[in-house]
Structure formats: C-alpha cells, structure tokens
Amino acid sequence: MATARTPMPVKKKPLPAGLPREWYESHNRRLKAMRLAISLLDSGTYDARRATNRKIRTMAVRTGIHRPSNITCKLVRAFIVSNAG
C-alpha cells in the first residue's frame, strides 16, 4: 500500500532589489491572481465565464486573501482560460 507523500515547501527567496515599484505591484498581483485561480479550479470553476468578480471576491474572503481589484479579477480569468487549453 502506497503512502501519500506531502511535497516539501518551496524555500522562499527575497525579491530582487532596485526594481521599479510597478514591477513589485505587478508581481504581487500575478501571485494573488494565481492563488485565486487555483482555489477556483479546485472548487470546480473551470470556465472563465463563470468566474465572475463576485465569485472571485467571495473565494478571496474564504481563503483569507485581500479583496482583489477589477484588474486582478481579469487576470484570474486569464489564468483559468490559459489552464483550460
């Protein structure tokens, strides 16, 4: 009987210093959108058309993520579309 192995957590590295503020904002937005997209996919939302802003924001509340902006919601849908292909 095989036992389930839990993956080792990825060691976090500090972000590179000296980049423009917009880079850090974009990077953090992509990470947030990716976490939300994964949560939505895990909950059964596989179609980007069904991932409304309301549904994305509800998932953010459930997972303890700060309320995403409209831009982040759009990015979440883009991640779901790219996953479907």
C-alpha atoms as a PDB file:
ATOM      1  CA  MET A   1       0.000   0.000   0.000  1.00  0.00           C
ATOM      2  CA  ALA A   2       1.480   3.330  -1.076  1.00  0.00           C
ATOM      3  CA  THR A   3       1.568   6.197   1.354  1.00  0.00           C
ATOM      4  CA  ALA A   4       0.808   9.749   0.300  1.00  0.00           C
ATOM      5  CA  ARG A   5       3.831  11.992   0.405  1.00  0.00           C
ATOM      6  CA  THR A   6       3.406  15.667   1.035  1.00  0.00           C
ATOM      7  CA  PRO A   7       5.626  17.867  -1.117  1.00  0.00           C
ATOM      8  CA  MET A   8       8.339  19.834   0.606  1.00  0.00           C
ATOM      9  CA  PRO A   9       7.550  23.563   0.814  1.00  0.00           C
ATOM     10  CA  VAL A  10       9.437  25.739  -1.614  1.00  0.00           C
ATOM     11  CA  LYS A  11      12.100  27.843   0.021  1.00  0.00           C
ATOM     12  CA  LYS A  12      11.207  31.491  -0.484  1.00  0.00           C
ATOM     13  CA  LYS A  13      13.816  33.837  -1.869  1.00  0.00           C
ATOM     14  CA  PRO A  14      13.795  37.582  -1.353  1.00  0.00           C
ATOM     15  CA  LEU A  15      12.634  39.656  -4.296  1.00  0.00           C
ATOM     16  CA  PRO A  16      15.377  41.408  -6.248  1.00  0.00           C
ATOM     17  CA  ALA A  17      16.155  44.903  -5.009  1.00  0.00           C
ATOM     18  CA  GLY A  18      16.264  48.042  -7.089  1.00  0.00           C
ATOM     19  CA  LEU A  19      13.394  47.373  -9.483  1.00  0.00           C
ATOM     20  CA  PRO A  20      10.654  49.941 -10.120  1.00  0.00           C
ATOM     21  CA  ARG A  21       7.674  49.872  -7.769  1.00  0.00           C
ATOM     22  CA  GLU A  22       5.384  48.893 -10.662  1.00  0.00           C
ATOM     23  CA  TRP A  23       7.322  45.634 -11.062  1.00  0.00           C
ATOM     24  CA  TYR A  24       6.674  44.633  -7.443  1.00  0.00           C
ATOM     25  CA  GLU A  25       2.989  45.563  -7.712  1.00  0.00           C
ATOM     26  CA  SER A  26       2.623  43.538 -10.906  1.00  0.00           C
ATOM     27  CA  HIS A  27       4.490  40.584  -9.417  1.00  0.00           C
ATOM     28  CA  ASN A  28       2.319  40.514  -6.289  1.00  0.00           C
ATOM     29  CA  ARG A  29      -0.852  40.920  -8.390  1.00  0.00           C
ATOM     30  CA  ARG A  30       0.111  37.899 -10.514  1.00  0.00           C
ATOM     31  CA  LEU A  31       0.795  35.812  -7.384  1.00  0.00           C
ATOM     32  CA  LYS A  32      -2.568  36.769  -5.872  1.00  0.00           C
ATOM     33  CA  ALA A  33      -4.381  36.021  -9.140  1.00  0.00           C
ATOM     34  CA  MET A  34      -2.653  32.658  -9.403  1.00  0.00           C
ATOM     35  CA  ARG A  35      -3.635  31.677  -5.856  1.00  0.00           C
ATOM     36  CA  LEU A  36      -7.245  32.678  -6.538  1.00  0.00           C
ATOM     37  CA  ALA A  37      -7.328  30.847  -9.875  1.00  0.00           C
ATOM     38  CA  ILE A  38      -6.037  27.677  -8.226  1.00  0.00           C
ATOM     39  CA  SER A  39      -8.670  27.959  -5.497  1.00  0.00           C
ATOM     40  CA  LEU A  40     -11.430  28.438  -8.071  1.00  0.00           C
ATOM     41  CA  LEU A  41     -10.223  25.500 -10.145  1.00  0.00           C
ATOM     42  CA  ASP A  42     -10.071  23.326  -7.022  1.00  0.00           C
ATOM     43  CA  SER A  43     -13.657  24.313  -6.200  1.00  0.00           C
ATOM     44  CA  GLY A  44     -14.886  23.306  -9.668  1.00  0.00           C
ATOM     45  CA  THR A  45     -14.965  26.598 -11.567  1.00  0.00           C
ATOM     46  CA  TYR A  46     -13.291  25.572 -14.815  1.00  0.00           C
ATOM     47  CA  ASP A  47     -14.928  28.125 -17.115  1.00  0.00           C
ATOM     48  CA  ALA A  48     -13.686  31.722 -17.043  1.00  0.00           C
ATOM     49  CA  ARG A  49     -17.168  32.979 -17.952  1.00  0.00           C
ATOM     50  CA  ARG A  50     -18.473  31.549 -14.673  1.00  0.00           C
ATOM     51  CA  ALA A  51     -15.700  33.215 -12.683  1.00  0.00           C
ATOM     52  CA  THR A  52     -17.452  36.499 -12.050  1.00  0.00           C
ATOM     53  CA  ASN A  53     -15.906  39.272  -9.995  1.00  0.00           C
ATOM     54  CA  ARG A  54     -18.337  38.401  -7.213  1.00  0.00           C
ATOM     55  CA  LYS A  55     -17.335  34.718  -7.224  1.00  0.00           C
ATOM     56  CA  ILE A  56     -13.620  35.603  -7.271  1.00  0.00           C
ATOM     57  CA  ARG A  57     -14.029  38.045  -4.382  1.00  0.00           C
ATOM     58  CA  THR A  58     -16.051  35.508  -2.408  1.00  0.00           C
ATOM     59  CA  MET A  59     -13.260  32.972  -2.896  1.00  0.00           C
ATOM     60  CA  ALA A  60     -10.763  35.595  -1.709  1.00  0.00           C
ATOM     61  CA  VAL A  61     -12.724  36.029   1.523  1.00  0.00           C
ATOM     62  CA  ARG A  62     -12.905  32.247   2.019  1.00  0.00           C
ATOM     63  CA  THR A  63      -9.171  31.802   1.516  1.00  0.00           C
ATOM     64  CA  GLY A  64      -8.137  34.839   3.557  1.00  0.00           C
ATOM     65  CA  ILE A  65      -6.839  36.908   0.651  1.00  0.00           C
ATOM     66  CA  HIS A  66      -7.435  40.659   0.495  1.00  0.00           C
ATOM     67  CA  ARG A  67     -10.246  41.792  -1.807  1.00  0.00           C
ATOM     68  CA  PRO A  68      -8.943  41.738  -5.387  1.00  0.00           C
ATOM     69  CA  SER A  69      -9.332  44.682  -7.744  1.00  0.00           C
ATOM     70  CA  ASN A  70     -11.085  44.509 -11.109  1.00  0.00           C
ATOM     71  CA  ILE A  71      -7.688  44.162 -12.798  1.00  0.00           C
ATOM     72  CA  THR A  72      -6.788  41.202 -10.589  1.00  0.00           C
ATOM     73  CA  CYS A  73     -10.168  39.565 -11.294  1.00  0.00           C
ATOM     74  CA  LYS A  74      -9.497  39.913 -15.014  1.00  0.00           C
ATOM     75  CA  LEU A  75      -6.089  38.311 -14.518  1.00  0.00           C
ATOM     76  CA  VAL A  76      -7.687  35.414 -12.596  1.00  0.00           C
ATOM     77  CA  ARG A  77      -9.968  34.738 -15.563  1.00  0.00           C
ATOM     78  CA  ALA A  78      -6.965  34.864 -17.912  1.00  0.00           C
ATOM     79  CA  PHE A  79      -5.211  32.228 -15.766  1.00  0.00           C
ATOM     80  CA  ILE A  80      -8.299  29.993 -15.877  1.00  0.00           C
ATOM     81  CA  VAL A  81      -8.525  30.335 -19.680  1.00  0.00           C
ATOM     82  CA  SER A  82      -4.825  29.513 -20.092  1.00  0.00           C
ATOM     83  CA  ASN A  83      -5.257  26.436 -17.902  1.00  0.00           C
ATOM     84  CA  ALA A  84      -8.161  25.133 -19.981  1.00  0.00           C
ATOM     85  CA  GLY A  85      -6.122  24.985 -23.187  1.00  0.00           C
END
